[in-house]
All heavy atoms as atom14 arrays in JSON, in Angstrom:
{
  "sequence": "YEADLAAPAAIVIGGEGQGVSALVKKECDYVVRIPQKGKIPSLNASN",
  "atom14_mask": [
    [1, 1, 1, 1, 1, 1, 1, 1, 1, 1, 1, 1, 0, 0],
    [1, 1, 1, 1, 1, 1, 1, 1, 1, 0, 0, 0, 0, 0],
    [1, 1, 1, 1, 1, 0, 0, 0, 0, 0, 0, 0, 0, 0],
    [1, 1, 1, 1, 1, 1, 1, 1, 0, 0, 0, 0, 0, 0],
    [1, 1, 1, 1, 1, 1, 1, 1, 0, 0, 0, 0, 0, 0],
    [1, 1, 1, 1, 1, 0, 0, 0, 0, 0, 0, 0, 0, 0],
    [1, 1, 1, 1, 1, 0, 0, 0, 0, 0, 0, 0, 0, 0],
    [1, 1, 1, 1, 1, 1, 1, 0, 0, 0, 0, 0, 0, 0],
    [1, 1, 1, 1, 1, 0, 0, 0, 0, 0, 0, 0, 0, 0],
    [1, 1, 1, 1, 1, 0, 0, 0, 0, 0, 0, 0, 0, 0],
    [1, 1, 1, 1, 1, 1, 1, 1, 0, 0, 0, 0, 0, 0],
    [1, 1, 1, 1, 1, 1, 1, 0, 0, 0, 0, 0, 0, 0],
    [1, 1, 1, 1, 1, 1, 1, 1, 0, 0, 0, 0, 0, 0],
    [1, 1, 1, 1, 0, 0, 0, 0, 0, 0, 0, 0, 0, 0],
    [1, 1, 1, 1, 0, 0, 0, 0, 0, 0, 0, 0, 0, 0],
    [1, 1, 1, 1, 1, 1, 1, 1, 1, 0, 0, 0, 0, 0],
    [1, 1, 1, 1, 0, 0, 0, 0, 0, 0, 0, 0, 0, 0],
    [1, 1, 1, 1, 1, 1, 1, 1, 1, 0, 0, 0, 0, 0],
    [1, 1, 1, 1, 0, 0, 0, 0, 0, 0, 0, 0, 0, 0],
    [1, 1, 1, 1, 1, 1, 1, 0, 0, 0, 0, 0, 0, 0],
    [1, 1, 1, 1, 1, 1, 0, 0, 0, 0, 0, 0, 0, 0],
    [1, 1, 1, 1, 1, 0, 0, 0, 0, 0, 0, 0, 0, 0],
    [1, 1, 1, 1, 1, 1, 1, 1, 0, 0, 0, 0, 0, 0],
    [1, 1, 1, 1, 1, 1, 1, 0, 0, 0, 0, 0, 0, 0],
    [1, 1, 1, 1, 1, 1, 1, 1, 1, 0, 0, 0, 0, 0],
    [1, 1, 1, 1, 1, 1, 1, 1, 1, 0, 0, 0, 0, 0],
    [1, 1, 1, 1, 1, 1, 1, 1, 1, 0, 0, 0, 0, 0],
    [1, 1, 1, 1, 1, 1, 0, 0, 0, 0, 0, 0, 0, 0],
    [1, 1, 1, 1, 1, 1, 1, 1, 0, 0, 0, 0, 0, 0],
    [1, 1, 1, 1, 1, 1, 1, 1, 1, 1, 1, 1, 0, 0],
    [1, 1, 1, 1, 1, 1, 1, 0, 0, 0, 0, 0, 0, 0],
    [1, 1, 1, 1, 1, 1, 1, 0, 0, 0, 0, 0, 0, 0],
    [1, 1, 1, 1, 1, 1, 1, 1, 1, 1, 1, 0, 0, 0],
    [1, 1, 1, 1, 1, 1, 1, 1, 0, 0, 0, 0, 0, 0],
    [1, 1, 1, 1, 1, 1, 1, 0, 0, 0, 0, 0, 0, 0],
    [1, 1, 1, 1, 1, 1, 1, 1, 1, 0, 0, 0, 0, 0],
    [1, 1, 1, 1, 1, 1, 1, 1, 1, 0, 0, 0, 0, 0],
    [1, 1, 1, 1, 0, 0, 0, 0, 0, 0, 0, 0, 0, 0],
    [1, 1, 1, 1, 1, 1, 1, 1, 1, 0, 0, 0, 0, 0],
    [1, 1, 1, 1, 1, 1, 1, 1, 0, 0, 0, 0, 0, 0],
    [1, 1, 1, 1, 1, 1, 1, 0, 0, 0, 0, 0, 0, 0],
    [1, 1, 1, 1, 1, 1, 0, 0, 0, 0, 0, 0, 0, 0],
    [1, 1, 1, 1, 1, 1, 1, 1, 0, 0, 0, 0, 0, 0],
    [1, 1, 1, 1, 1, 1, 1, 1, 0, 0, 0, 0, 0, 0],
    [1, 1, 1, 1, 1, 0, 0, 0, 0, 0, 0, 0, 0, 0],
    [1, 1, 1, 1, 1, 1, 0, 0, 0, 0, 0, 0, 0, 0],
    [1, 1, 1, 1, 1, 1, 1, 1, 0, 0, 0, 0, 0, 0]
  ],
  "atom14_positions": [
    [[13.55, -12.04, -19.79], [13.39, -12.94, -20.93], [13.97, -12.34, -22.21], [14.31, -13.05, -23.14], [11.91, -13.26, -21.12], [11.27, -13.8, -19.85], [10.22, -13.13, -19.24], [11.75, -14.96, -19.24], [9.64, -13.6, -18.07], [11.19, -15.44, -18.08], [10.14, -14.76, -17.49], [9.58, -15.23, -16.33], [0.0, 0.0, 0.0], [0.0, 0.0, 0.0]],
    [[14.07, -11.02, -22.25], [14.64, -10.34, -23.41], [16.15, -10.17, -23.29], [16.81, -9.78, -24.25], [13.98, -8.97, -23.57], [12.48, -9.03, -23.78], [11.84, -7.66, -23.68], [11.58, -7.2, -22.54], [11.61, -7.04, -24.73], [0.0, 0.0, 0.0], [0.0, 0.0, 0.0], [0.0, 0.0, 0.0], [0.0, 0.0, 0.0], [0.0, 0.0, 0.0]],
    [[16.7, -10.43, -22.13], [18.13, -10.22, -21.9], [18.93, -11.39, -22.46], [18.57, -12.55, -22.29], [18.39, -10.07, -20.41], [0.0, 0.0, 0.0], [0.0, 0.0, 0.0], [0.0, 0.0, 0.0], [0.0, 0.0, 0.0], [0.0, 0.0, 0.0], [0.0, 0.0, 0.0], [0.0, 0.0, 0.0], [0.0, 0.0, 0.0], [0.0, 0.0, 0.0]],
    [[20.04, -11.06, -23.12], [20.89, -12.1, -23.69], [21.84, -12.63, -22.64], [23.03, -12.31, -22.63], [21.66, -11.55, -24.89], [22.44, -12.64, -25.61], [22.24, -13.83, -25.27], [23.26, -12.31, -26.47], [0.0, 0.0, 0.0], [0.0, 0.0, 0.0], [0.0, 0.0, 0.0], [0.0, 0.0, 0.0], [0.0, 0.0, 0.0], [0.0, 0.0, 0.0]],
    [[21.34, -13.46, -21.75], [22.14, -14.01, -20.66], [22.97, -15.21, -21.09], [23.71, -15.77, -20.28], [21.23, -14.39, -19.49], [20.5, -13.21, -18.83], [19.49, -13.71, -17.8], [21.48, -12.25, -18.19], [0.0, 0.0, 0.0], [0.0, 0.0, 0.0], [0.0, 0.0, 0.0], [0.0, 0.0, 0.0], [0.0, 0.0, 0.0], [0.0, 0.0, 0.0]],
    [[22.87, -15.56, -22.37], [23.75, -16.6, -22.89], [25.11, -16.03, -23.23], [26.1, -16.76, -23.34], [23.13, -17.24, -24.13], [0.0, 0.0, 0.0], [0.0, 0.0, 0.0], [0.0, 0.0, 0.0], [0.0, 0.0, 0.0], [0.0, 0.0, 0.0], [0.0, 0.0, 0.0], [0.0, 0.0, 0.0], [0.0, 0.0, 0.0], [0.0, 0.0, 0.0]],
    [[25.2, -14.71, -23.4], [26.46, -14.05, -23.68], [27.32, -14.03, -22.41], [26.82, -14.3, -21.31], [26.2, -12.62, -24.14], [0.0, 0.0, 0.0], [0.0, 0.0, 0.0], [0.0, 0.0, 0.0], [0.0, 0.0, 0.0], [0.0, 0.0, 0.0], [0.0, 0.0, 0.0], [0.0, 0.0, 0.0], [0.0, 0.0, 0.0], [0.0, 0.0, 0.0]],
    [[28.61, -13.72, -22.51], [29.41, -13.52, -21.29], [28.74, -12.47, -20.42], [28.58, -11.32, -20.87], [30.76, -13.05, -21.84], [30.82, -13.61, -23.22], [29.41, -13.55, -23.73], [0.0, 0.0, 0.0], [0.0, 0.0, 0.0], [0.0, 0.0, 0.0], [0.0, 0.0, 0.0], [0.0, 0.0, 0.0], [0.0, 0.0, 0.0], [0.0, 0.0, 0.0]],
    [[28.31, -12.82, -19.24], [27.41, -11.95, -18.48], [27.75, -11.87, -17.01], [28.24, -12.81, -16.39], [25.96, -12.42, -18.64], [0.0, 0.0, 0.0], [0.0, 0.0, 0.0], [0.0, 0.0, 0.0], [0.0, 0.0, 0.0], [0.0, 0.0, 0.0], [0.0, 0.0, 0.0], [0.0, 0.0, 0.0], [0.0, 0.0, 0.0], [0.0, 0.0, 0.0]],
    [[27.46, -10.69, -16.46], [27.51, -10.46, -15.02], [26.17, -9.88, -14.6], [25.67, -8.94, -15.24], [28.64, -9.49, -14.66], [0.0, 0.0, 0.0], [0.0, 0.0, 0.0], [0.0, 0.0, 0.0], [0.0, 0.0, 0.0], [0.0, 0.0, 0.0], [0.0, 0.0, 0.0], [0.0, 0.0, 0.0], [0.0, 0.0, 0.0], [0.0, 0.0, 0.0]],
    [[25.57, -10.43, -13.57], [24.26, -9.99, -13.08], [24.47, -9.26, -11.77], [25.08, -9.78, -10.84], [23.33, -11.2, -12.87], [23.09, -11.94, -14.19], [22.0, -10.75, -12.26], [22.44, -13.3, -14.02], [0.0, 0.0, 0.0], [0.0, 0.0, 0.0], [0.0, 0.0, 0.0], [0.0, 0.0, 0.0], [0.0, 0.0, 0.0], [0.0, 0.0, 0.0]],
    [[23.99, -8.02, -11.69], [24.13, -7.21, -10.48], [22.85, -7.3, -9.67], [21.77, -6.95, -10.17], [24.45, -5.75, -10.8], [24.69, -4.96, -9.51], [25.67, -5.66, -11.71], [0.0, 0.0, 0.0], [0.0, 0.0, 0.0], [0.0, 0.0, 0.0], [0.0, 0.0, 0.0], [0.0, 0.0, 0.0], [0.0, 0.0, 0.0], [0.0, 0.0, 0.0]],
    [[22.95, -7.73, -8.42], [21.82, -7.84, -7.5], [21.97, -6.79, -6.41], [23.02, -6.69, -5.78], [21.75, -9.24, -6.87], [21.61, -10.32, -7.95], [20.58, -9.32, -5.88], [20.33, -10.25, -8.75], [0.0, 0.0, 0.0], [0.0, 0.0, 0.0], [0.0, 0.0, 0.0], [0.0, 0.0, 0.0], [0.0, 0.0, 0.0], [0.0, 0.0, 0.0]],
    [[20.93, -5.99, -6.19], [20.99, -4.94, -5.18], [20.68, -5.44, -3.79], [20.17, -6.54, -3.59], [0.0, 0.0, 0.0], [0.0, 0.0, 0.0], [0.0, 0.0, 0.0], [0.0, 0.0, 0.0], [0.0, 0.0, 0.0], [0.0, 0.0, 0.0], [0.0, 0.0, 0.0], [0.0, 0.0, 0.0], [0.0, 0.0, 0.0], [0.0, 0.0, 0.0]],
    [[20.97, -4.57, -2.82], [20.76, -4.91, -1.42], [19.31, -4.85, -1.01], [18.44, -4.33, -1.72], [0.0, 0.0, 0.0], [0.0, 0.0, 0.0], [0.0, 0.0, 0.0], [0.0, 0.0, 0.0], [0.0, 0.0, 0.0], [0.0, 0.0, 0.0], [0.0, 0.0, 0.0], [0.0, 0.0, 0.0], [0.0, 0.0, 0.0], [0.0, 0.0, 0.0]],
    [[19.03, -5.36, 0.18], [17.69, -5.4, 0.73], [17.16, -3.99, 0.94], [17.74, -3.2, 1.67], [17.7, -6.15, 2.06], [18.3, -7.53, 1.99], [19.83, -7.57, 2.02], [20.45, -6.52, 2.31], [20.4, -8.63, 1.74], [0.0, 0.0, 0.0], [0.0, 0.0, 0.0], [0.0, 0.0, 0.0], [0.0, 0.0, 0.0], [0.0, 0.0, 0.0]],
    [[16.07, -3.66, 0.29], [15.44, -2.35, 0.45], [15.99, -1.28, -0.45], [15.24, -0.46, -0.97], [0.0, 0.0, 0.0], [0.0, 0.0, 0.0], [0.0, 0.0, 0.0], [0.0, 0.0, 0.0], [0.0, 0.0, 0.0], [0.0, 0.0, 0.0], [0.0, 0.0, 0.0], [0.0, 0.0, 0.0], [0.0, 0.0, 0.0], [0.0, 0.0, 0.0]],
    [[17.28, -1.25, -0.7], [17.89, -0.18, -1.5], [18.0, -0.52, -2.97], [17.96, 0.36, -3.82], [19.28, 0.15, -0.94], [19.29, 0.59, 0.5], [18.51, 1.86, 0.73], [18.57, 2.8, -0.07], [17.74, 1.89, 1.8], [0.0, 0.0, 0.0], [0.0, 0.0, 0.0], [0.0, 0.0, 0.0], [0.0, 0.0, 0.0], [0.0, 0.0, 0.0]],
    [[18.16, -1.76, -3.29], [18.35, -2.14, -4.68], [19.72, -1.77, -5.19], [20.61, -1.38, -4.44], [0.0, 0.0, 0.0], [0.0, 0.0, 0.0], [0.0, 0.0, 0.0], [0.0, 0.0, 0.0], [0.0, 0.0, 0.0], [0.0, 0.0, 0.0], [0.0, 0.0, 0.0], [0.0, 0.0, 0.0], [0.0, 0.0, 0.0], [0.0, 0.0, 0.0]],
    [[19.89, -1.86, -6.48], [21.15, -1.5, -7.11], [21.3, 0.02, -7.06], [20.36, 0.75, -7.39], [21.21, -1.99, -8.57], [22.52, -1.59, -9.23], [21.03, -3.51, -8.62], [0.0, 0.0, 0.0], [0.0, 0.0, 0.0], [0.0, 0.0, 0.0], [0.0, 0.0, 0.0], [0.0, 0.0, 0.0], [0.0, 0.0, 0.0], [0.0, 0.0, 0.0]],
    [[22.45, 0.5, -6.67], [22.66, 1.94, -6.55], [22.62, 2.61, -7.91], [22.89, 2.0, -8.95], [24.0, 2.24, -5.88], [25.06, 1.85, -6.73], [0.0, 0.0, 0.0], [0.0, 0.0, 0.0], [0.0, 0.0, 0.0], [0.0, 0.0, 0.0], [0.0, 0.0, 0.0], [0.0, 0.0, 0.0], [0.0, 0.0, 0.0], [0.0, 0.0, 0.0]],
    [[22.27, 3.9, -7.91], [22.19, 4.65, -9.17], [23.53, 4.67, -9.88], [23.6, 4.58, -11.12], [21.7, 6.07, -8.89], [0.0, 0.0, 0.0], [0.0, 0.0, 0.0], [0.0, 0.0, 0.0], [0.0, 0.0, 0.0], [0.0, 0.0, 0.0], [0.0, 0.0, 0.0], [0.0, 0.0, 0.0], [0.0, 0.0, 0.0], [0.0, 0.0, 0.0]],
    [[24.62, 4.81, -9.13], [25.95, 4.84, -9.74], [26.25, 3.54, -10.47], [26.76, 3.55, -11.6], [27.01, 5.1, -8.67], [28.47, 5.05, -9.13], [28.73, 6.1, -10.19], [29.41, 5.23, -7.94], [0.0, 0.0, 0.0], [0.0, 0.0, 0.0], [0.0, 0.0, 0.0], [0.0, 0.0, 0.0], [0.0, 0.0, 0.0], [0.0, 0.0, 0.0]],
    [[25.93, 2.42, -9.84], [26.2, 1.12, -10.46], [25.31, 0.91, -11.67], [25.76, 0.46, -12.72], [26.04, -0.01, -9.43], [26.08, -1.38, -10.13], [27.12, 0.08, -8.37], [0.0, 0.0, 0.0], [0.0, 0.0, 0.0], [0.0, 0.0, 0.0], [0.0, 0.0, 0.0], [0.0, 0.0, 0.0], [0.0, 0.0, 0.0], [0.0, 0.0, 0.0]],
    [[24.04, 1.28, -11.55], [23.14, 1.13, -12.7], [23.65, 1.92, -13.9], [23.55, 1.47, -15.05], [21.73, 1.57, -12.33], [20.93, 0.52, -11.61], [19.45, 0.84, -11.55], [19.16, 1.93, -10.54], [17.7, 2.09, -10.33], [0.0, 0.0, 0.0], [0.0, 0.0, 0.0], [0.0, 0.0, 0.0], [0.0, 0.0, 0.0], [0.0, 0.0, 0.0]],
    [[24.17, 3.09, -13.64], [24.7, 3.92, -14.73], [25.84, 3.24, -15.45], [26.03, 3.42, -16.66], [25.15, 5.27, -14.15], [25.64, 6.26, -15.19], [26.02, 7.57, -14.54], [26.55, 8.56, -15.58], [26.94, 9.84, -14.94], [0.0, 0.0, 0.0], [0.0, 0.0, 0.0], [0.0, 0.0, 0.0], [0.0, 0.0, 0.0], [0.0, 0.0, 0.0]],
    [[26.62, 2.45, -14.75], [27.77, 1.77, -15.35], [27.36, 0.51, -16.1], [28.13, 0.03, -16.96], [28.78, 1.39, -14.26], [29.44, 2.58, -13.57], [30.41, 3.31, -14.47], [30.78, 2.76, -15.54], [30.8, 4.44, -14.12], [0.0, 0.0, 0.0], [0.0, 0.0, 0.0], [0.0, 0.0, 0.0], [0.0, 0.0, 0.0], [0.0, 0.0, 0.0]],
    [[26.19, -0.04, -15.82], [25.79, -1.3, -16.42], [25.35, -1.11, -17.87], [24.91, -0.04, -18.28], [24.66, -1.94, -15.62], [25.16, -2.48, -13.97], [0.0, 0.0, 0.0], [0.0, 0.0, 0.0], [0.0, 0.0, 0.0], [0.0, 0.0, 0.0], [0.0, 0.0, 0.0], [0.0, 0.0, 0.0], [0.0, 0.0, 0.0], [0.0, 0.0, 0.0]],
    [[25.46, -2.17, -18.64], [24.98, -2.13, -20.02], [23.46, -2.14, -20.09], [22.87, -1.49, -20.95], [25.51, -3.35, -20.79], [27.01, -3.31, -20.97], [27.52, -2.32, -21.53], [27.69, -4.27, -20.56], [0.0, 0.0, 0.0], [0.0, 0.0, 0.0], [0.0, 0.0, 0.0], [0.0, 0.0, 0.0], [0.0, 0.0, 0.0], [0.0, 0.0, 0.0]],
    [[22.84, -2.92, -19.24], [21.4, -3.1, -19.28], [20.82, -3.11, -17.87], [21.47, -3.52, -16.92], [21.02, -4.41, -19.98], [21.53, -4.49, -21.39], [22.75, -5.11, -21.66], [20.81, -3.94, -22.45], [23.24, -5.17, -22.95], [21.29, -3.98, -23.75], [22.5, -4.59, -23.99], [23.0, -4.64, -25.26], [0.0, 0.0, 0.0], [0.0, 0.0, 0.0]],
    [[19.57, -2.66, -17.76], [18.8, -2.75, -16.52], [17.58, -3.59, -16.84], [16.79, -3.23, -17.72], [18.39, -1.38, -15.99], [17.63, -1.52, -14.68], [19.61, -0.49, -15.8], [0.0, 0.0, 0.0], [0.0, 0.0, 0.0], [0.0, 0.0, 0.0], [0.0, 0.0, 0.0], [0.0, 0.0, 0.0], [0.0, 0.0, 0.0], [0.0, 0.0, 0.0]],
    [[17.43, -4.73, -16.17], [16.35, -5.65, -16.5], [15.46, -5.89, -15.3], [15.89, -5.76, -14.15], [16.91, -6.99, -17.03], [17.71, -6.77, -18.3], [17.78, -7.67, -15.99], [0.0, 0.0, 0.0], [0.0, 0.0, 0.0], [0.0, 0.0, 0.0], [0.0, 0.0, 0.0], [0.0, 0.0, 0.0], [0.0, 0.0, 0.0], [0.0, 0.0, 0.0]],
    [[14.26, -6.28, -15.57], [13.29, -6.51, -14.49], [12.73, -7.92, -14.56], [12.7, -8.54, -15.63], [12.13, -5.5, -14.57], [11.18, -5.73, -15.73], [10.06, -4.7, -15.76], [9.08, -5.02, -16.8], [9.18, -4.67, -18.06], [10.23, -3.95, -18.47], [8.25, -5.01, -18.92], [0.0, 0.0, 0.0], [0.0, 0.0, 0.0], [0.0, 0.0, 0.0]],
    [[12.28, -8.41, -13.41], [11.55, -9.67, -13.34], [10.06, -9.32, -13.33], [9.6, -8.54, -12.49], [11.91, -10.44, -12.05], [13.39, -10.82, -12.05], [11.05, -11.69, -11.92], [13.86, -11.45, -10.75], [0.0, 0.0, 0.0], [0.0, 0.0, 0.0], [0.0, 0.0, 0.0], [0.0, 0.0, 0.0], [0.0, 0.0, 0.0], [0.0, 0.0, 0.0]],
    [[9.29, -9.84, -14.25], [7.85, -9.54, -14.27], [7.18, -9.92, -12.96], [7.46, -10.97, -12.39], [7.32, -10.4, -15.42], [8.51, -10.64, -16.29], [9.68, -10.73, -15.36], [0.0, 0.0, 0.0], [0.0, 0.0, 0.0], [0.0, 0.0, 0.0], [0.0, 0.0, 0.0], [0.0, 0.0, 0.0], [0.0, 0.0, 0.0], [0.0, 0.0, 0.0]],
    [[6.32, -9.05, -12.47], [5.63, -9.27, -11.21], [4.12, -9.15, -11.41], [3.65, -8.21, -12.05], [6.07, -8.24, -10.17], [7.55, -8.32, -9.84], [7.98, -7.23, -8.88], [9.17, -6.95, -8.77], [7.04, -6.61, -8.19], [0.0, 0.0, 0.0], [0.0, 0.0, 0.0], [0.0, 0.0, 0.0], [0.0, 0.0, 0.0], [0.0, 0.0, 0.0]],
    [[3.39, -10.1, -10.86], [1.93, -10.06, -10.95], [1.27, -9.9, -9.59], [0.08, -9.61, -9.51], [1.42, -11.34, -11.62], [1.84, -11.44, -13.09], [1.17, -12.63, -13.77], [1.54, -12.68, -15.25], [0.86, -13.81, -15.95], [0.0, 0.0, 0.0], [0.0, 0.0, 0.0], [0.0, 0.0, 0.0], [0.0, 0.0, 0.0], [0.0, 0.0, 0.0]],
    [[2.0, -10.1, -8.53], [1.46, -9.96, -7.19], [1.43, -8.52, -6.72], [1.72, -7.59, -7.47], [0.0, 0.0, 0.0], [0.0, 0.0, 0.0], [0.0, 0.0, 0.0], [0.0, 0.0, 0.0], [0.0, 0.0, 0.0], [0.0, 0.0, 0.0], [0.0, 0.0, 0.0], [0.0, 0.0, 0.0], [0.0, 0.0, 0.0], [0.0, 0.0, 0.0]],
    [[1.12, -8.31, -5.46], [0.94, -6.97, -4.92], [2.13, -6.47, -4.1], [2.26, -5.28, -3.89], [-0.33, -6.91, -4.07], [-1.6, -7.23, -4.84], [-2.82, -7.1, -3.95], [-4.08, -7.5, -4.7], [-4.29, -6.67, -5.91], [0.0, 0.0, 0.0], [0.0, 0.0, 0.0], [0.0, 0.0, 0.0], [0.0, 0.0, 0.0], [0.0, 0.0, 0.0]],
    [[2.97, -7.36, -3.61], [4.11, -6.89, -2.81], [5.18, -6.35, -3.75], [5.24, -6.71, -4.93], [4.66, -7.99, -1.89], [5.19, -9.18, -2.69], [3.59, -8.44, -0.91], [5.88, -10.21, -1.82], [0.0, 0.0, 0.0], [0.0, 0.0, 0.0], [0.0, 0.0, 0.0], [0.0, 0.0, 0.0], [0.0, 0.0, 0.0], [0.0, 0.0, 0.0]],
    [[6.04, -5.45, -3.25], [6.94, -4.7, -4.12], [7.93, -5.53, -4.92], [8.14, -5.28, -6.1], [7.68, -3.76, -3.16], [6.81, -3.67, -1.96], [6.11, -4.97, -1.85], [0.0, 0.0, 0.0], [0.0, 0.0, 0.0], [0.0, 0.0, 0.0], [0.0, 0.0, 0.0], [0.0, 0.0, 0.0], [0.0, 0.0, 0.0], [0.0, 0.0, 0.0]],
    [[8.58, -6.53, -4.29], [9.64, -7.2, -5.03], [10.06, -8.48, -4.32], [9.71, -8.73, -3.17], [10.86, -6.28, -5.17], [11.4, -6.0, -3.89], [0.0, 0.0, 0.0], [0.0, 0.0, 0.0], [0.0, 0.0, 0.0], [0.0, 0.0, 0.0], [0.0, 0.0, 0.0], [0.0, 0.0, 0.0], [0.0, 0.0, 0.0], [0.0, 0.0, 0.0]],
    [[10.84, -9.28, -5.02], [11.49, -10.44, -4.43], [12.67, -9.99, -3.58], [13.2, -8.9, -3.78], [12.02, -11.35, -5.54], [11.0, -12.0, -6.46], [11.71, -12.6, -7.67], [10.22, -13.08, -5.73], [0.0, 0.0, 0.0], [0.0, 0.0, 0.0], [0.0, 0.0, 0.0], [0.0, 0.0, 0.0], [0.0, 0.0, 0.0], [0.0, 0.0, 0.0]],
    [[13.11, -10.86, -2.64], [14.33, -10.48, -1.93], [15.53, -10.78, -2.8], [15.42, -11.37, -3.89], [14.4, -11.14, -0.54], [14.78, -12.61, -0.58], [15.01, -13.21, -1.62], [14.85, -13.2, 0.6], [0.0, 0.0, 0.0], [0.0, 0.0, 0.0], [0.0, 0.0, 0.0], [0.0, 0.0, 0.0], [0.0, 0.0, 0.0], [0.0, 0.0, 0.0]],
    [[16.69, -10.36, -2.34], [17.88, -10.41, -3.19], [18.21, -11.82, -3.64], [18.52, -12.06, -4.82], [19.06, -9.8, -2.43], [0.0, 0.0, 0.0], [0.0, 0.0, 0.0], [0.0, 0.0, 0.0], [0.0, 0.0, 0.0], [0.0, 0.0, 0.0], [0.0, 0.0, 0.0], [0.0, 0.0, 0.0], [0.0, 0.0, 0.0], [0.0, 0.0, 0.0]],
    [[18.16, -12.79, -2.73], [18.55, -14.14, -3.11], [17.56, -14.78, -4.06], [17.94, -15.52, -4.98], [18.75, -15.01, -1.86], [17.56, -15.12, -1.11], [0.0, 0.0, 0.0], [0.0, 0.0, 0.0], [0.0, 0.0, 0.0], [0.0, 0.0, 0.0], [0.0, 0.0, 0.0], [0.0, 0.0, 0.0], [0.0, 0.0, 0.0], [0.0, 0.0, 0.0]],
    [[16.28, -14.49, -3.88], [15.28, -15.02, -4.8], [15.41, -14.42, -6.19], [15.3, -15.12, -7.2], [13.87, -14.78, -4.26], [13.53, -15.66, -3.07], [14.09, -16.74, -2.92], [12.62, -15.21, -2.23], [0.0, 0.0, 0.0], [0.0, 0.0, 0.0], [0.0, 0.0, 0.0], [0.0, 0.0, 0.0], [0.0, 0.0, 0.0], [0.0, 0.0, 0.0]]
  ]
}
């Protein structure tokens, strides 16, 4: 919600289980999260 996704933007989605690699994250401008209230670790990549 804090990310300026109205700007020219590219969203990086990581793979199942591994997520975005450290190398790729280092190259990105921002690392953003989806707020989670449940108990399971995360959404799958397509969600």
